[in-house]
C-alpha atoms as a PDB file:
ATOM      1  CA  MET A   1      -0.005   0.033  -0.079  1.00  0.00           C
ATOM      2  CA  LYS A   2       1.458   3.461  -0.876  1.00  0.00           C
ATOM      3  CA  LEU A   3       0.234   6.650   0.507  1.00  0.00           C
ATOM      4  CA  ILE A   4       1.328  10.290   0.343  1.00  0.00           C
ATOM      5  CA  TYR A   5       0.918  12.321   3.508  1.00  0.00           C
ATOM      6  CA  ASP A   6       2.138  15.957   4.234  1.00  0.00           C
ATOM      7  CA  GLY A   7       4.210  15.695   0.900  1.00  0.00           C
ATOM      8  CA  THR A   8       5.931  12.337   2.052  1.00  0.00           C
ATOM      9  CA  THR A   9       5.731   9.094   0.127  1.00  0.00           C
ATOM     10  CA  LEU A  10       4.667   6.330   2.592  1.00  0.00           C
ATOM     11  CA  GLU A  11       4.895   2.635   1.854  1.00  0.00           C
ATOM     12  CA  GLY A  12       3.706  -0.520   3.886  1.00  0.00           C
ATOM     13  CA  THR A  13       0.619  -2.101   5.418  1.00  0.00           C
ATOM     14  CA  PRO A  14      -1.837  -0.199   6.669  1.00  0.00           C
ATOM     15  CA  GLU A  15      -0.862  -0.719  10.046  1.00  0.00           C
ATOM     16  CA  GLU A  16       2.339   0.178   9.414  1.00  0.00           C
ATOM     17  CA  ILE A  17       1.641   3.561   7.461  1.00  0.00           C
ATOM     18  CA  LYS A  18      -0.829   4.459  10.580  1.00  0.00           C
ATOM     19  CA  GLU A  19       2.067   4.189  12.970  1.00  0.00           C
ATOM     20  CA  MET A  20       4.633   6.521  10.446  1.00  0.00           C
ATOM     21  CA  MET A  21       1.501   9.227  10.394  1.00  0.00           C
ATOM     22  CA  THR A  22       1.215   8.904  14.246  1.00  0.00           C
ATOM     23  CA  LEU A  23       5.061   9.606  14.355  1.00  0.00           C
ATOM     24  CA  MET A  24       4.839  12.560  12.005  1.00  0.00           C
ATOM     25  CA  GLY A  25       2.138  14.684  14.087  1.00  0.00           C
ATOM     26  CA  ALA A  26      -1.264  12.478  12.302  1.00  0.00           C
ATOM     27  CA  GLU A  27      -4.491  11.964  14.908  1.00  0.00           C
ATOM     28  CA  PHE A  28      -6.940   9.553  14.421  1.00  0.00           C
ATOM     29  CA  ALA A  29     -10.151   9.163  15.820  1.00  0.00           C
ATOM     30  CA  VAL A  30     -10.866   6.474  18.457  1.00  0.00           C
ATOM     31  CA  ASN A  31     -12.829   3.897  17.560  1.00  0.00           C
ATOM     32  CA  GLU A  32     -15.467   3.937  20.911  1.00  0.00           C
ATOM     33  CA  THR A  33     -15.694   0.102  20.627  1.00  0.00           C
ATOM     34  CA  GLU A  34     -12.038  -0.442  21.494  1.00  0.00           C
ATOM     35  CA  LYS A  35     -11.654   2.717  23.899  1.00  0.00           C
ATOM     36  CA  VAL A  36     -14.985   1.010  26.233  1.00  0.00           C
ATOM     37  CA  GLU A  37     -12.889  -2.312  25.892  1.00  0.00           C
ATOM     38  CA  GLU A  38      -9.890  -0.966  27.272  1.00  0.00           C
ATOM     39  CA  GLU A  39     -11.767   0.798  30.183  1.00  0.00           C
ATOM     40  CA  THR A  40     -13.527  -1.654  31.074  1.00  0.00           C
ATOM     41  CA  PRO A  41     -12.809  -3.607  34.589  1.00  0.00           C
ATOM     42  CA  THR A  42     -12.139  -7.110  34.908  1.00  0.00           C
ATOM     43  CA  PHE A  43     -14.056  -9.244  37.475  1.00  0.00           C
ATOM     44  CA  LYS A  44     -14.176 -12.606  38.392  1.00  0.00           C
ATOM     45  CA  GLU A  45     -16.847 -14.985  40.151  1.00  0.00           C
ATOM     46  CA  GLY A  46     -16.786 -14.136  43.922  1.00  0.00           C
ATOM     47  CA  ASP A  47     -15.709 -11.170  43.562  1.00  0.00           C
ATOM     48  CA  ARG A  48     -16.890  -8.386  46.362  1.00  0.00           C
ATOM     49  CA  VAL A  49     -18.148  -5.311  44.615  1.00  0.00           C
ATOM     50  CA  LYS A  50     -19.968  -2.161  45.025  1.00  0.00           C
ATOM     51  CA  ALA A  51     -22.680  -0.854  42.753  1.00  0.00           C
ATOM     52  CA  LEU A  52     -22.155   2.565  41.551  1.00  0.00           C
ATOM     53  CA  VAL A  53     -25.479   2.767  39.864  1.00  0.00           C
ATOM     54  CA  VAL A  54     -28.962   1.040  40.136  1.00  0.00           C
ATOM     55  CA  GLY A  55     -28.956  -2.518  38.720  1.00  0.00           C
ATOM     56  CA  GLU A  56     -30.977  -3.403  35.250  1.00  0.00           C
ATOM     57  CA  PHE A  57     -33.956  -4.358  37.517  1.00  0.00           C
ATOM     58  CA  ARG A  58     -33.287  -1.760  39.993  1.00  0.00           C
ATOM     59  CA  ASP A  59     -33.366  -4.380  42.992  1.00  0.00           C
ATOM     60  CA  ILE A  60     -29.552  -3.391  44.268  1.00  0.00           C
ATOM     61  CA  LYS A  61     -29.189   0.472  44.273  1.00  0.00           C
ATOM     62  CA  ALA A  62     -26.071   2.439  44.147  1.00  0.00           C
ATOM     63  CA  GLY A  63     -23.840   2.230  46.899  1.00  0.00           C
ATOM     64  CA  GLU A  64     -24.878  -1.424  48.082  1.00  0.00           C
ATOM     65  CA  VAL A  65     -22.177  -4.289  48.505  1.00  0.00           C
ATOM     66  CA  GLY A  66     -22.213  -7.783  46.630  1.00  0.00           C
ATOM     67  CA  THR A  67     -20.838 -10.882  45.604  1.00  0.00           C
ATOM     68  CA  ILE A  68     -20.803 -11.391  41.662  1.00  0.00           C
ATOM     69  CA  ASP A  69     -22.446 -14.833  41.573  1.00  0.00           C
ATOM     70  CA  TYR A  70     -21.986 -15.390  37.812  1.00  0.00           C
ATOM     71  CA  ILE A  71     -20.860 -13.686  34.798  1.00  0.00           C
ATOM     72  CA  SER A  72     -22.992 -14.754  31.588  1.00  0.00           C
ATOM     73  CA  GLU A  73     -20.501 -14.939  28.675  1.00  0.00           C
ATOM     74  CA  LYS A  74     -23.553 -16.168  26.757  1.00  0.00           C
ATOM     75  CA  ALA A  75     -25.169 -12.801  27.343  1.00  0.00           C
ATOM     76  CA  ARG A  76     -22.049 -10.437  26.918  1.00  0.00           C
ATOM     77  CA  LYS A  77     -21.772 -12.538  23.073  1.00  0.00           C
ATOM     78  CA  ASP A  78     -25.241 -11.560  22.348  1.00  0.00           C
ATOM     79  CA  GLY A  79     -24.785  -8.140  23.132  1.00  0.00           C
ATOM     80  CA  ASP A  80     -26.693  -7.675  26.306  1.00  0.00           C
ATOM     81  CA  PRO A  81     -24.187  -5.227  28.470  1.00  0.00           C
ATOM     82  CA  PHE A  82     -25.952  -6.439  31.848  1.00  0.00           C
ATOM     83  CA  TYR A  83     -23.941  -9.832  31.443  1.00  0.00           C
ATOM     84  CA  ILE A  84     -22.808  -9.846  35.445  1.00  0.00           C
ATOM     85  CA  ALA A  85     -25.060 -11.467  38.727  1.00  0.00           C
ATOM     86  CA  VAL A  86     -24.590  -9.912  41.236  1.00  0.00           C
ATOM     87  CA  GLU A  87     -26.159 -11.213  45.123  1.00  0.00           C
ATOM     88  CA  THR A  88     -26.510  -9.119  48.290  1.00  0.00           C
ATOM     89  CA  ASP A  89     -27.642 -10.305  51.500  1.00  0.00           C
ATOM     90  CA  ASP A  90     -31.599  -9.508  50.378  1.00  0.00           C
ATOM     91  CA  ASP A  91     -31.341  -8.991  46.750  1.00  0.00           C
ATOM     92  CA  PHE A  92     -30.443 -10.330  43.413  1.00  0.00           C
ATOM     93  CA  ASP A  93     -29.766  -8.135  39.967  1.00  0.00           C
ATOM     94  CA  TYR A  94     -27.558  -7.508  37.074  1.00  0.00           C
ATOM     95  CA  PHE A  95     -25.175  -4.793  35.905  1.00  0.00           C
ATOM     96  CA  ARG A  96     -22.350  -3.665  33.104  1.00  0.00           C
ATOM     97  CA  PRO A  97     -18.631  -3.884  34.149  1.00  0.00           C
ATOM     98  CA  GLN A  98     -18.028  -0.065  34.038  1.00  0.00           C
ATOM     99  CA  ASP A  99     -21.258  -0.064  36.667  1.00  0.00           C
ATOM    100  CA  LEU A 100     -19.641  -1.791  39.498  1.00  0.00           C
ATOM    101  CA  GLU A 101     -16.457  -1.089  41.748  1.00  0.00           C
ATOM    102  CA  LEU A 102     -14.179  -3.515  43.266  1.00  0.00           C
ATOM    103  CA  VAL A 103     -14.392  -3.404  46.798  1.00  0.00           C
ATOM    104  CA  THR A 104     -10.768  -4.467  48.571  1.00  0.00           C
ATOM    105  CA  PRO A 105     -10.664  -6.301  51.573  1.00  0.00           C
ATOM    106  CA  LYS A 106      -9.426  -4.561  54.747  1.00  0.00           C
ATOM    107  CA  PRO A 107      -6.048  -5.849  56.006  1.00  0.00           C
ATOM    108  CA  THR A 108      -5.553  -7.457  59.157  1.00  0.00           C
ATOM    109  CA  THR A 109      -3.894  -4.374  61.377  1.00  0.00           C
ATOM    110  CA  ILE A 110      -2.432  -4.253  64.893  1.00  0.00           C
ATOM    111  CA  LYS A 111      -2.417  -0.657  66.613  1.00  0.00           C
ATOM    112  CA  ARG A 112       1.661  -0.230  67.565  1.00  0.00           C
ATOM    113  CA  LYS A 113       4.626   1.963  66.176  1.00  0.00           C
ATOM    114  CA  ALA A 114       5.558   1.035  62.826  1.00  0.00           C
ATOM    115  CA  ARG A 115       9.087  -0.108  61.677  1.00  0.00           C
ATOM    116  CA  VAL A 116      11.105   0.988  58.514  1.00  0.00           C
ATOM    117  CA  GLY A 117       9.830  -1.674  55.077  1.00  0.00           C
ATOM    118  CA  GLU A 118       6.452  -2.256  57.182  1.00  0.00           C
ATOM    119  CA  ARG A 119       2.944  -1.694  55.268  1.00  0.00           C
ATOM    120  CA  ILE A 120       0.951   0.640  57.162  1.00  0.00           C
ATOM    121  CA  LEU A 121      -2.831   1.455  56.661  1.00  0.00           C
ATOM    122  CA  ILE A 122      -4.233   4.832  56.854  1.00  0.00           C
ATOM    123  CA  THR A 123      -6.962   4.780  59.511  1.00  0.00           C
ATOM    124  CA  LYS A 124      -7.496   8.228  61.191  1.00  0.00           C
ATOM    125  CA  PRO A 125      -5.932  11.177  58.580  1.00  0.00           C
ATOM    126  CA  PHE A 126      -5.643  14.020  60.982  1.00  0.00           C
ATOM    127  CA  ILE A 127      -6.094  16.652  58.536  1.00  0.00           C
ATOM    128  CA  ALA A 128      -7.784  16.139  55.208  1.00  0.00           C
ATOM    129  CA  CYS A 129      -4.763  16.547  52.118  1.00  0.00           C
ATOM    130  CA  ASP A 130      -4.458  15.326  48.469  1.00  0.00           C
ATOM    131  CA  LYS A 131      -1.415  13.217  49.868  1.00  0.00           C
ATOM    132  CA  TYR A 132      -3.122  10.622  51.501  1.00  0.00           C
ATOM    133  CA  LYS A 133      -6.723   9.823  52.764  1.00  0.00           C
ATOM    134  CA  GLU A 134      -8.250   6.650  55.217  1.00  0.00           C
ATOM    135  CA  GLY A 135      -7.840   3.415  53.657  1.00  0.00           C
ATOM    136  CA  ASP A 136      -4.669   4.108  51.654  1.00  0.00           C
ATOM    137  CA  GLN A 137      -1.920   1.729  52.373  1.00  0.00           C
ATOM    138  CA  PHE A 138       2.286   2.779  52.614  1.00  0.00           C
ATOM    139  CA  THR A 139       5.555   1.259  52.739  1.00  0.00           C
ATOM    140  CA  VAL A 140       7.366   2.934  55.657  1.00  0.00           C
ATOM    141  CA  THR A 141      10.580   4.371  54.641  1.00  0.00           C
ATOM    142  CA  LYS A 142      11.673   6.059  58.165  1.00  0.00           C
ATOM    143  CA  ALA A 143      10.547   6.028  61.724  1.00  0.00           C
ATOM    144  CA  TYR A 144      11.329   8.661  64.231  1.00  0.00           C
ATOM    145  CA  LYS A 145      12.297   6.934  67.618  1.00  0.00           C
ATOM    146  CA  GLU A 146      15.397   8.885  68.767  1.00  0.00           C
ATOM    147  CA  ILE A 147      13.468  12.649  68.195  1.00  0.00           C
ATOM    148  CA  PRO A 148      11.162  13.566  71.043  1.00  0.00           C
ATOM    149  CA  GLY A 149       7.592  13.918  70.597  1.00  0.00           C
ATOM    150  CA  MET A 150       8.042  12.154  67.340  1.00  0.00           C
ATOM    151  CA  ASN A 151       8.422   8.650  68.731  1.00  0.00           C
ATOM    152  CA  GLY A 152       6.035   6.567  66.320  1.00  0.00           C
ATOM    153  CA  HIS A 153       5.636   9.102  63.567  1.00  0.00           C
ATOM    154  CA  VAL A 154       6.933   7.721  60.141  1.00  0.00           C
ATOM    155  CA  THR A 155       7.655   9.275  56.815  1.00  0.00           C
ATOM    156  CA  VAL A 156       6.077   6.631  53.654  1.00  0.00           C
ATOM    157  CA  GLU A 157       7.417   5.567  50.220  1.00  0.00           C
ATOM    158  CA  GLY A 158       6.581   8.258  47.701  1.00  0.00           C
ATOM    159  CA  ILE A 159       5.129  10.823  50.030  1.00  0.00           C
ATOM    160  CA  GLY A 160       7.402  13.696  51.869  1.00  0.00           C
ATOM    161  CA  LEU A 161       5.017  14.422  54.963  1.00  0.00           C
ATOM    162  CA  VAL A 162       5.475  12.777  58.095  1.00  0.00           C
ATOM    163  CA  ILE A 163       2.441  10.756  59.348  1.00  0.00           C
ATOM    164  CA  LEU A 164       1.513  10.629  63.021  1.00  0.00           C
ATOM    165  CA  ASP A 165       1.177   7.477  65.019  1.00  0.00           C
ATOM    166  CA  SER A 166      -2.693   8.090  65.380  1.00  0.00           C
ATOM    167  CA  GLU A 167      -3.403   8.062  61.557  1.00  0.00           C
ATOM    168  CA  TYR A 168      -2.200   4.403  60.991  1.00  0.00           C
ATOM    169  CA  GLU A 169      -2.168   1.310  61.878  1.00  0.00           C
ATOM    170  CA  VAL A 170       0.558  -1.552  61.213  1.00  0.00           C
ATOM    171  CA  ILE A 171      -0.704  -4.190  58.347  1.00  0.00           C
ATOM    172  CA  VAL A 172       0.330  -7.910  59.584  1.00  0.00           C
ATOM    173  CA  GLU A 173       1.812  -9.927  56.820  1.00  0.00           C
ATOM    174  CA  GLU A 174       0.315 -12.921  57.452  1.00  0.00           C
ATOM    175  CA  LYS A 175       2.493 -15.867  56.514  1.00  0.00           C
ATOM    176  CA  GLU A 176       1.077 -18.946  54.788  1.00  0.00           C
ATOM    177  CA  ASP A 177       2.655 -21.138  56.969  1.00  0.00           C
ATOM    178  CA  SER A 178       0.748 -19.571  60.444  1.00  0.00           C
ATOM    179  CA  LYS A 179      -2.613 -19.762  59.304  1.00  0.00           C
ATOM    180  CA  ARG A 180      -4.784 -21.269  61.587  1.00  0.00           C
ATOM    181  CA  LYS A 181      -7.736 -23.508  61.750  1.00  0.00           C
ATOM    182  CA  PRO A 182     -11.004 -21.727  63.434  1.00  0.00           C
ATOM    183  CA  GLY A 183     -10.154 -21.745  67.102  1.00  0.00           C
ATOM    184  CA  GLU A 184      -7.017 -22.727  67.412  1.00  0.00           C
ATOM    185  CA  PHE A 185      -4.989 -20.043  69.732  1.00  0.00           C
ATOM    186  CA  LYS A 186      -1.306 -19.780  70.483  1.00  0.00           C
ATOM    187  CA  LYS A 187       0.523 -17.676  73.421  1.00  0.00           C
ATOM    188  CA  GLY A 188       1.859 -14.581  72.170  1.00  0.00           C
ATOM    189  CA  ASP A 189      -1.337 -14.262  69.760  1.00  0.00           C
ATOM    190  CA  ILE A 190      -3.311 -10.771  69.519  1.00  0.00           C
ATOM    191  CA  VAL A 191      -7.173 -11.225  69.671  1.00  0.00           C
ATOM    192  CA  ARG A 192     -10.203  -9.581  70.250  1.00  0.00           C
ATOM    193  CA  VAL A 193     -12.308 -10.471  72.799  1.00  0.00           C
ATOM    194  CA  LYS A 194     -15.929 -10.680  72.580  1.00  0.00           C
ATOM    195  CA  TRP A 195     -16.781 -12.578  76.015  1.00  0.00           C
ATOM    196  CA  ILE A 196     -15.520 -12.599  79.393  1.00  0.00           C
ATOM    197  CA  LEU A 197     -17.027 -14.775  82.275  1.00  0.00           C
ATOM    198  CA  GLY A 198     -18.648 -12.723  84.769  1.00  0.00           C
ATOM    199  CA  LYS A 199     -18.567  -9.820  82.174  1.00  0.00           C
ATOM    200  CA  GLY A 200     -20.685 -10.594  79.298  1.00  0.00           C
ATOM    201  CA  ASN A 201     -20.180  -9.178  75.870  1.00  0.00           C
ATOM    202  CA  VAL A 202     -16.712  -7.177  75.912  1.00  0.00           C
ATOM    203  CA  ASP A 203     -15.073  -6.005  72.643  1.00  0.00           C
ATOM    204  CA  VAL A 204     -11.096  -5.964  73.950  1.00  0.00           C
ATOM    205  CA  ILE A 205      -8.064  -6.340  72.247  1.00  0.00           C
ATOM    206  CA  ALA A 206      -5.195  -8.373  74.132  1.00  0.00           C
ATOM    207  CA  GLU A 207      -2.715 -10.713  74.017  1.00  0.00           C
ATOM    208  CA  ILE A 208      -2.566 -14.271  74.544  1.00  0.00           C
ATOM    209  CA  TYR A 209      -0.173 -14.478  77.461  1.00  0.00           C
ATOM    210  CA  GLU A 210      -0.241 -17.936  79.118  1.00  0.00           C
ATOM    211  CA  GLY A 211      -2.625 -21.066  79.180  1.00  0.00           C
ATOM    212  CA  PRO A 212      -2.199 -23.832  81.380  1.00  0.00           C
ATOM    213  CA  GLU A 213      -3.164 -26.557  79.026  1.00  0.00           C
ATOM    214  CA  GLY A 214      -0.354 -25.056  76.364  1.00  0.00           C
ATOM    215  CA  ASP A 215      -1.217 -24.024  72.711  1.00  0.00           C
ATOM    216  CA  GLY A 216      -4.074 -24.580  70.485  1.00  0.00           C
ATOM    217  CA  ALA A 217      -7.987 -24.854  70.455  1.00  0.00           C
ATOM    218  CA  GLY A 218     -10.250 -24.945  73.942  1.00  0.00           C
ATOM    219  CA  GLY A 219      -8.843 -24.780  77.550  1.00  0.00           C
ATOM    220  CA  ASN A 220      -8.481 -21.674  79.831  1.00  0.00           C
ATOM    221  CA  TYR A 221      -5.879 -18.973  78.595  1.00  0.00           C
ATOM    222  CA  TYR A 222      -4.920 -15.558  80.519  1.00  0.00           C
ATOM    223  CA  LEU A 223      -4.779 -12.107  79.228  1.00  0.00           C
ATOM    224  CA  ASN A 224      -1.640  -9.695  79.348  1.00  0.00           C
ATOM    225  CA  ASP A 225      -4.292  -8.054  81.833  1.00  0.00           C
ATOM    226  CA  GLY A 226      -4.931 -10.798  84.324  1.00  0.00           C
ATOM    227  CA  GLU A 227      -8.632 -12.137  83.017  1.00  0.00           C
ATOM    228  CA  GLU A 228      -8.866 -15.432  82.405  1.00  0.00           C
ATOM    229  CA  ILE A 229     -11.193 -16.375  78.725  1.00  0.00           C
ATOM    230  CA  THR A 230     -12.004 -19.728  77.808  1.00  0.00           C
ATOM    231  CA  LEU A 231     -10.968 -20.226  73.671  1.00  0.00           C
ATOM    232  CA  GLY A 232     -13.145 -20.759  70.859  1.00  0.00           C
ATOM    233  CA  ASN A 233     -16.069 -18.580  70.313  1.00  0.00           C
ATOM    234  CA  ASP A 234     -14.805 -16.037  73.045  1.00  0.00           C
ATOM    235  CA  CYS A 235     -12.118 -14.613  70.612  1.00  0.00           C
ATOM    236  CA  GLU A 236     -11.093 -13.836  67.321  1.00  0.00           C
ATOM    237  CA  LEU A 237      -7.704 -13.777  66.009  1.00  0.00           C
ATOM    238  CA  ILE A 238      -6.247 -10.148  65.136  1.00  0.00           C
ATOM    239  CA  ALA A 239      -2.564 -11.184  64.599  1.00  0.00           C
ATOM    240  CA  PRO A 240      -0.962 -14.628  64.939  1.00  0.00           C
ATOM    241  CA  VAL A 241       2.149 -14.343  67.055  1.00  0.00           C
ATOM    242  CA  GLU A 242       4.256 -15.579  63.716  1.00  0.00           C
ATOM    243  CA  ALA A 243       3.730 -12.430  62.154  1.00  0.00           C
ATOM    244  CA  ARG A 244       4.689 -10.107  65.019  1.00  0.00           C
ATOM    245  CA  LEU A 245       7.879  -8.620  65.128  1.00  0.00           C
ATOM    246  CA  ASP A 246       7.630  -7.119  69.008  1.00  0.00           C
ATOM    247  CA  VAL A 247       7.998 -10.612  70.183  1.00  0.00           C
END
């Protein structure tokens, strides 16, 4: 194929000529179908998603969070844009992919001073700014320990600001081999205590301090504040001892 553009003779395939013209400053209209495909987010069954608009049958409203039940490839190939089925606790509806936003699970965190190299989650920004917001995650590049009044404050990768210790929690990077069965605990675990004998329902973060029957499920354990608890439904594992760097 041969084409004269701006006084220059161009030869090659249509794709090659288009590339040469682009290098010479030519602009081409964007194919809307290609543009939609490039911008369309991808999901899979089981993803947690938030609806950005009301569903096709108006059963799920904007802002509601649900789980992708299935993705109908037949409907997509037939040209039906509403081919993603989403289920909430109460409703079921269909959405286009651009109408959904992936919900990232909140990581497991612990409230303590961060160390260099650790990941932190912004939980309570002290002031509103365009550098970071609640839910953002960063890697710590500097931890202030020796400067009076700054112990626990950090700076992070990509931001030239000091983040206060009250603004973040440390993300627990749980190792694959440290995963537990339900109801299994060890000395040194950080747990959320939900019930204490004589006190009833509570919501307390504490450390498994010692247990007369050893590690594992069952038996009585003691917290670092002296409270005696029975493991199982009374506790929820927050940070396994294997993931802690302060022990």
